PDB file of N, CA and C in Angstrom:
ATOM      1  N   MET A   1      98.507 131.670  89.525  1.00  0.00           N
ATOM      2  CA  MET A   1      99.144 132.898  89.920  1.00  0.00           C
ATOM      3  C   MET A   1      98.245 134.049  89.485  1.00  0.00           C
ATOM      4  N   GLN A   2      98.246 135.055  90.299  1.00  0.00           N
ATOM      5  CA  GLN A   2      97.478 136.252  89.970  1.00  0.00           C
ATOM      6  C   GLN A   2      98.436 137.431  89.983  1.00  0.00           C
ATOM      7  N   TRP A   3      98.281 138.312  89.021  1.00  0.00           N
ATOM      8  CA  TRP A   3      99.181 139.440  88.878  1.00  0.00           C
ATOM      9  C   TRP A   3      98.519 140.712  89.371  1.00  0.00           C
ATOM     10  N   GLY A   4      99.278 141.539  90.073  1.00  0.00           N
ATOM     11  CA  GLY A   4      98.790 142.823  90.549  1.00  0.00           C
ATOM     12  C   GLY A   4      98.907 143.886  89.472  1.00  0.00           C
ATOM     13  N   LEU A   5      98.405 145.090  89.753  1.00  0.00           N
ATOM     14  CA  LEU A   5      98.468 146.185  88.791  1.00  0.00           C
ATOM     15  C   LEU A   5      99.896 146.658  88.563  1.00  0.00           C
ATOM     16  N   ASP A   6     100.791 146.376  89.506  1.00  0.00           N
ATOM     17  CA  ASP A   6     102.186 146.777  89.363  1.00  0.00           C
ATOM     18  C   ASP A   6     103.017 145.778  88.564  1.00  0.00           C
ATOM     19  N   GLY A   7     102.395 144.706  88.069  1.00  0.00           N
ATOM     20  CA  GLY A   7     103.095 143.714  87.270  1.00  0.00           C
ATOM     21  C   GLY A   7     103.790 142.635  88.082  1.00  0.00           C
ATOM     22  N   GLN A   8     103.635 142.662  89.384  1.00  0.00           N
ATOM     23  CA  GLN A   8     104.237 141.671  90.265  1.00  0.00           C
ATOM     24  C   GLN A   8     103.183 140.649  90.682  1.00  0.00           C
ATOM     25  N   PRO A   9     103.595 139.396  90.900  1.00  0.00           N
ATOM     26  CA  PRO A   9     102.616 138.393  91.341  1.00  0.00           C
ATOM     27  C   PRO A   9     102.123 138.689  92.751  1.00  0.00           C
ATOM     28  N   THR A  10     100.814 138.520  92.949  1.00  0.00           N
ATOM     29  CA  THR A  10     100.238 138.749  94.274  1.00  0.00           C
ATOM     30  C   THR A  10     100.191 137.467  95.103  1.00  0.00           C
ATOM     31  N   TRP A  11     100.192 136.321  94.445  1.00  0.00           N
ATOM     32  CA  TRP A  11     100.264 135.034  95.126  1.00  0.00           C
ATOM     33  C   TRP A  11     100.648 133.985  94.098  1.00  0.00           C
ATOM     34  N   HIS A  12     101.061 132.823  94.573  1.00  0.00           N
ATOM     35  CA  HIS A  12     101.394 131.731  93.670  1.00  0.00           C
ATOM     36  C   HIS A  12     101.142 130.409  94.381  1.00  0.00           C
ATOM     37  N   ALA A  13     101.025 129.365  93.599  1.00  0.00           N
ATOM     38  CA  ALA A  13     100.819 128.017  94.137  1.00  0.00           C
ATOM     39  C   ALA A  13     102.036 127.171  93.771  1.00  0.00           C
ATOM     40  N   SER A  14     102.183 126.062  94.447  1.00  0.00           N
ATOM     41  CA  SER A  14     103.308 125.172  94.159  1.00  0.00           C
ATOM     42  C   SER A  14     103.108 124.464  92.822  1.00  0.00           C
ATOM     43  N   LYS A  15     104.181 123.866  92.309  1.00  0.00           N
ATOM     44  CA  LYS A  15     104.083 123.121  91.051  1.00  0.00           C
ATOM     45  C   LYS A  15     103.141 121.936  91.193  1.00  0.00           C
ATOM     46  N   ALA A  16     103.148 121.289  92.360  1.00  0.00           N
ATOM     47  CA  ALA A  16     102.281 120.128  92.565  1.00  0.00           C
ATOM     48  C   ALA A  16     100.809 120.505  92.418  1.00  0.00           C
ATOM     49  N   VAL A  17     100.443 121.665  92.934  1.00  0.00           N
ATOM     50  CA  VAL A  17      99.054 122.118  92.803  1.00  0.00           C
ATOM     51  C   VAL A  17      98.730 122.374  91.332  1.00  0.00           C
ATOM     52  N   GLY A  18      99.650 122.971  90.603  1.00  0.00           N
ATOM     53  CA  GLY A  18      99.429 123.231  89.182  1.00  0.00           C
ATOM     54  C   GLY A  18      99.318 121.957  88.368  1.00  0.00           C
ATOM     55  N   LEU A  19     100.169 120.988  88.678  1.00  0.00           N
ATOM     56  CA  LEU A  19     100.161 119.742  87.916  1.00  0.00           C
ATOM     57  C   LEU A  19      98.965 118.867  88.251  1.00  0.00           C
ATOM     58  N   TRP A  20      98.691 118.671  89.530  1.00  0.00           N
ATOM     59  CA  TRP A  20      97.597 117.785  89.931  1.00  0.00           C
ATOM     60  C   TRP A  20      96.252 118.474  89.934  1.00  0.00           C
ATOM     61  N   GLY A  21      96.234 119.796  90.013  1.00  0.00           N
ATOM     62  CA  GLY A  21      94.972 120.529  89.962  1.00  0.00           C
ATOM     63  C   GLY A  21      94.265 120.348  88.632  1.00  0.00           C
ATOM     64  N   MET A  22      95.050 120.290  87.560  1.00  0.00           N
ATOM     65  CA  MET A  22      94.460 120.089  86.232  1.00  0.00           C
ATOM     66  C   MET A  22      93.839 118.702  86.120  1.00  0.00           C
ATOM     67  N   VAL A  23      94.481 117.715  86.701  1.00  0.00           N
ATOM     68  CA  VAL A  23      93.933 116.354  86.687  1.00  0.00           C
ATOM     69  C   VAL A  23      92.627 116.311  87.479  1.00  0.00           C
ATOM     70  N   ALA A  24      92.623 116.929  88.653  1.00  0.00           N
ATOM     71  CA  ALA A  24      91.408 116.971  89.475  1.00  0.00           C
ATOM     72  C   ALA A  24      90.279 117.711  88.753  1.00  0.00           C
ATOM     73  N   PHE A  25      90.625 118.796  88.075  1.00  0.00           N
ATOM     74  CA  PHE A  25      89.623 119.546  87.317  1.00  0.00           C
ATOM     75  C   PHE A  25      89.033 118.695  86.199  1.00  0.00           C
ATOM     76  N   ALA A  26      89.887 117.983  85.473  1.00  0.00           N
ATOM     77  CA  ALA A  26      89.415 117.128  84.384  1.00  0.00           C
ATOM     78  C   ALA A  26      88.491 116.033  84.912  1.00  0.00           C
ATOM     79  N   LEU A  27      88.857 115.427  86.025  1.00  0.00           N
ATOM     80  CA  LEU A  27      88.008 114.385  86.610  1.00  0.00           C
ATOM     81  C   LEU A  27      86.674 114.950  87.087  1.00  0.00           C
ATOM     82  N   ALA A  28      86.696 116.147  87.654  1.00  0.00           N
ATOM     83  CA  ALA A  28      85.455 116.770  88.121  1.00  0.00           C
ATOM     84  C   ALA A  28      84.518 117.081  86.954  1.00  0.00           C
ATOM     85  N   VAL A  29      85.077 117.593  85.865  1.00  0.00           N
ATOM     86  CA  VAL A  29      84.254 117.883  84.686  1.00  0.00           C
ATOM     87  C   VAL A  29      83.693 116.592  84.107  1.00  0.00           C
ATOM     88  N   ARG A  30      84.531 115.553  84.055  1.00  0.00           N
ATOM     89  CA  ARG A  30      84.073 114.252  83.534  1.00  0.00           C
ATOM     90  C   ARG A  30      82.954 113.685  84.396  1.00  0.00           C
ATOM     91  N   LEU A  31      83.070 113.810  85.706  1.00  0.00           N
ATOM     92  CA  LEU A  31      82.020 113.356  86.621  1.00  0.00           C
ATOM     93  C   LEU A  31      80.733 114.145  86.402  1.00  0.00           C
ATOM     94  N   LEU A  32      80.852 115.440  86.200  1.00  0.00           N
ATOM     95  CA  LEU A  32      79.674 116.266  85.942  1.00  0.00           C
ATOM     96  C   LEU A  32      78.986 115.850  84.644  1.00  0.00           C
ATOM     97  N   ILE A  33      79.765 115.622  83.596  1.00  0.00           N
ATOM     98  CA  ILE A  33      79.190 115.204  82.316  1.00  0.00           C
ATOM     99  C   ILE A  33      78.519 113.846  82.451  1.00  0.00           C
ATOM    100  N   TRP A  34      79.170 112.921  83.156  1.00  0.00           N
ATOM    101  CA  TRP A  34      78.558 111.599  83.360  1.00  0.00           C
ATOM    102  C   TRP A  34      77.242 111.722  84.122  1.00  0.00           C
ATOM    103  N   ALA A  35      77.232 112.519  85.191  1.00  0.00           N
ATOM    104  CA  ALA A  35      76.017 112.668  85.998  1.00  0.00           C
ATOM    105  C   ALA A  35      74.893 113.284  85.172  1.00  0.00           C
ATOM    106  N   LEU A  36      75.203 114.300  84.392  1.00  0.00           N
ATOM    107  CA  LEU A  36      74.165 114.923  83.567  1.00  0.00           C
ATOM    108  C   LEU A  36      73.653 113.986  82.489  1.00  0.00           C
ATOM    109  N   SER A  37      74.554 113.239  81.860  1.00  0.00           N
ATOM    110  CA  SER A  37      74.092 112.338  80.804  1.00  0.00           C
ATOM    111  C   SER A  37      73.342 111.135  81.368  1.00  0.00           C
ATOM    112  N   THR A  38      73.579 110.809  82.631  1.00  0.00           N
ATOM    113  CA  THR A  38      72.872 109.700  83.266  1.00  0.00           C
ATOM    114  C   THR A  38      71.517 110.130  83.814  1.00  0.00           C
ATOM    115  N   TYR A  39      71.478 111.269  84.517  1.00  0.00           N
ATOM    116  CA  TYR A  39      70.270 111.669  85.219  1.00  0.00           C
ATOM    117  C   TYR A  39      69.425 112.706  84.474  1.00  0.00           C
ATOM    118  N   ALA A  40      69.996 113.386  83.492  1.00  0.00           N
ATOM    119  CA  ALA A  40      69.223 114.356  82.714  1.00  0.00           C
ATOM    120  C   ALA A  40      69.652 114.292  81.252  1.00  0.00           C
ATOM    121  N   PRO A  41      69.446 113.141  80.599  1.00  0.00           N
ATOM    122  CA  PRO A  41      69.943 112.995  79.228  1.00  0.00           C
ATOM    123  C   PRO A  41      69.303 113.949  78.218  1.00  0.00           C
ATOM    124  N   SER A  42      68.121 114.433  78.503  1.00  0.00           N
ATOM    125  CA  SER A  42      67.479 115.357  77.570  1.00  0.00           C
ATOM    126  C   SER A  42      68.153 116.733  77.574  1.00  0.00           C
ATOM    127  N   LYS A  43      68.923 117.027  78.614  1.00  0.00           N
ATOM    128  CA  LYS A  43      69.603 118.325  78.728  1.00  0.00           C
ATOM    129  C   LYS A  43      70.995 118.310  78.095  1.00  0.00           C
ATOM    130  N   VAL A  44      71.502 117.128  77.756  1.00  0.00           N
ATOM    131  CA  VAL A  44      72.874 117.002  77.259  1.00  0.00           C
ATOM    132  C   VAL A  44      72.843 116.498  75.822  1.00  0.00           C
ATOM    133  N   HIS A  45      73.564 117.192  74.936  1.00  0.00           N
ATOM    134  CA  HIS A  45      73.619 116.805  73.528  1.00  0.00           C
ATOM    135  C   HIS A  45      75.082 116.763  73.089  1.00  0.00           C
ATOM    136  N   GLY A  46      75.441 115.782  72.309  1.00  0.00           N
ATOM    137  CA  GLY A  46      76.794 115.688  71.776  1.00  0.00           C
ATOM    138  C   GLY A  46      77.837 115.352  72.829  1.00  0.00           C
ATOM    139  N   VAL A  47      77.510 114.446  73.737  1.00  0.00           N
ATOM    140  CA  VAL A  47      78.421 114.103  74.828  1.00  0.00           C
ATOM    141  C   VAL A  47      79.736 113.538  74.295  1.00  0.00           C
ATOM    142  N   GLU A  48      79.668 112.664  73.323  1.00  0.00           N
ATOM    143  CA  GLU A  48      80.882 112.014  72.826  1.00  0.00           C
ATOM    144  C   GLU A  48      81.843 113.030  72.218  1.00  0.00           C
ATOM    145  N   LEU A  49      81.332 113.914  71.387  1.00  0.00           N
ATOM    146  CA  LEU A  49      82.176 114.929  70.771  1.00  0.00           C
ATOM    147  C   LEU A  49      82.732 115.886  71.821  1.00  0.00           C
ATOM    148  N   GLY A  50      81.907 116.268  72.761  1.00  0.00           N
ATOM    149  CA  GLY A  50      82.355 117.155  73.829  1.00  0.00           C
ATOM    150  C   GLY A  50      83.451 116.532  74.658  1.00  0.00           C
ATOM    151  N   LEU A  51      83.290 115.252  75.000  1.00  0.00           N
ATOM    152  CA  LEU A  51      84.323 114.564  75.783  1.00  0.00           C
ATOM    153  C   LEU A  51      85.615 114.421  74.992  1.00  0.00           C
ATOM    154  N   LEU A  52      85.509 114.156  73.712  1.00  0.00           N
ATOM    155  CA  LEU A  52      86.697 114.043  72.875  1.00  0.00           C
ATOM    156  C   LEU A  52      87.457 115.366  72.828  1.00  0.00           C
ATOM    157  N   LEU A  53      86.761 116.446  72.557  1.00  0.00           N
ATOM    158  CA  LEU A  53      87.411 117.749  72.491  1.00  0.00           C
ATOM    159  C   LEU A  53      87.981 118.167  73.840  1.00  0.00           C
ATOM    160  N   PHE A  54      87.241 117.913  74.912  1.00  0.00           N
ATOM    161  CA  PHE A  54      87.718 118.238  76.260  1.00  0.00           C
ATOM    162  C   PHE A  54      88.970 117.434  76.590  1.00  0.00           C
ATOM    163  N   SER A  55      88.977 116.162  76.246  1.00  0.00           N
ATOM    164  CA  SER A  55      90.131 115.310  76.528  1.00  0.00           C
ATOM    165  C   SER A  55      91.363 115.768  75.762  1.00  0.00           C
ATOM    166  N   ILE A  56      91.191 116.114  74.510  1.00  0.00           N
ATOM    167  CA  ILE A  56      92.322 116.600  73.709  1.00  0.00           C
ATOM    168  C   ILE A  56      92.853 117.918  74.273  1.00  0.00           C
ATOM    169  N   THR A  57      91.960 118.815  74.640  1.00  0.00           N
ATOM    170  CA  THR A  57      92.376 120.103  75.198  1.00  0.00           C
ATOM    171  C   THR A  57      93.125 119.925  76.504  1.00  0.00           C
ATOM    172  N   ILE A  58      92.602 119.101  77.398  1.00  0.00           N
ATOM    173  CA  ILE A  58      93.253 118.879  78.690  1.00  0.00           C
ATOM    174  C   ILE A  58      94.601 118.197  78.502  1.00  0.00           C
ATOM    175  N   ALA A  59      94.681 117.203  77.630  1.00  0.00           N
ATOM    176  CA  ALA A  59      95.948 116.500  77.392  1.00  0.00           C
ATOM    177  C   ALA A  59      96.997 117.446  76.824  1.00  0.00           C
ATOM    178  N   ALA A  60      96.625 118.274  75.867  1.00  0.00           N
ATOM    179  CA  ALA A  60      97.575 119.223  75.283  1.00  0.00           C
ATOM    180  C   ALA A  60      98.021 120.259  76.311  1.00  0.00           C
ATOM    181  N   SER A  61      97.089 120.775  77.093  1.00  0.00           N
ATOM    182  CA  SER A  61      97.434 121.750  78.127  1.00  0.00           C
ATOM    183  C   SER A  61      98.361 121.140  79.169  1.00  0.00           C
ATOM    184  N   HIS A  62      98.069 119.923  79.565  1.00  0.00           N
ATOM    185  CA  HIS A  62      98.891 119.261  80.576  1.00  0.00           C
ATOM    186  C   HIS A  62     100.291 118.960  80.026  1.00  0.00           C
ATOM    187  N   ALA A  63     100.374 118.560  78.767  1.00  0.00           N
ATOM    188  CA  ALA A  63     101.681 118.307  78.159  1.00  0.00           C
ATOM    189  C   ALA A  63     102.517 119.581  78.117  1.00  0.00           C
ATOM    190  N   LEU A  64     101.909 120.705  77.761  1.00  0.00           N
ATOM    191  CA  LEU A  64     102.636 121.973  77.757  1.00  0.00           C
ATOM    192  C   LEU A  64     103.068 122.373  79.156  1.00  0.00           C
ATOM    193  N   LEU A  65     102.201 122.174  80.126  1.00  0.00           N
ATOM    194  CA  LEU A  65     102.522 122.494  81.514  1.00  0.00           C
ATOM    195  C   LEU A  65     103.673 121.625  82.031  1.00  0.00           C
ATOM    196  N   LEU A  66     103.640 120.351  81.701  1.00  0.00           N
ATOM    197  CA  LEU A  66     104.732 119.456  82.114  1.00  0.00           C
ATOM    198  C   LEU A  66     106.043 119.855  81.453  1.00  0.00           C
ATOM    199  N   ARG A  67     105.997 120.229  80.189  1.00  0.00           N
ATOM    200  CA  ARG A  67     107.204 120.656  79.491  1.00  0.00           C
ATOM    201  C   ARG A  67     107.810 121.884  80.172  1.00  0.00           C
ATOM    202  N   LYS A  68     106.974 122.855  80.524  1.00  0.00           N
ATOM    203  CA  LYS A  68     107.453 124.056  81.202  1.00  0.00           C
ATOM    204  C   LYS A  68     108.013 123.721  82.583  1.00  0.00           C
ATOM    205  N   ALA A  69     107.371 122.796  83.287  1.00  0.00           N
ATOM    206  CA  ALA A  69     107.836 122.416  84.623  1.00  0.00           C
ATOM    207  C   ALA A  69     109.194 121.722  84.550  1.00  0.00           C
ATOM    208  N   VAL A  70     109.407 120.894  83.534  1.00  0.00           N
ATOM    209  CA  VAL A  70     110.678 120.216  83.367  1.00  0.00           C
ATOM    210  C   VAL A  70     111.774 121.212  83.004  1.00  0.00           C
ATOM    211  N   GLN A  71     111.465 122.168  82.148  1.00  0.00           N
ATOM    212  CA  GLN A  71     112.440 123.187  81.762  1.00  0.00           C
ATOM    213  C   GLN A  71     112.830 124.073  82.936  1.00  0.00           C
ATOM    214  N   ALA A  72     111.872 124.378  83.800  1.00  0.00           N
ATOM    215  CA  ALA A  72     112.144 125.265  84.937  1.00  0.00           C
ATOM    216  C   ALA A  72     112.846 124.529  86.075  1.00  0.00           C
ATOM    217  N   GLY A  73     112.665 123.211  86.149  1.00  0.00           N
ATOM    218  CA  GLY A  73     113.189 122.446  87.276  1.00  0.00           C
ATOM    219  C   GLY A  73     114.580 122.036  87.063  1.00  0.00           C
TER     220      GLY A  73
END
């Protein structure tokens, strides 16, 4: 959702887009990290730690989003 200067939403997406968009984003980032670590390993450092932190962040964000969706529904 994007908010206008008047404090009203200018557009919004459905709940399905919000819920599944995060999953698609996480998979896209994971694919990018895999491709970089496979084809340009000298450019990538700390892949394991980065993936761990990214996974925890995405899981926590998704859990909060699901909680809000259940409360609103």
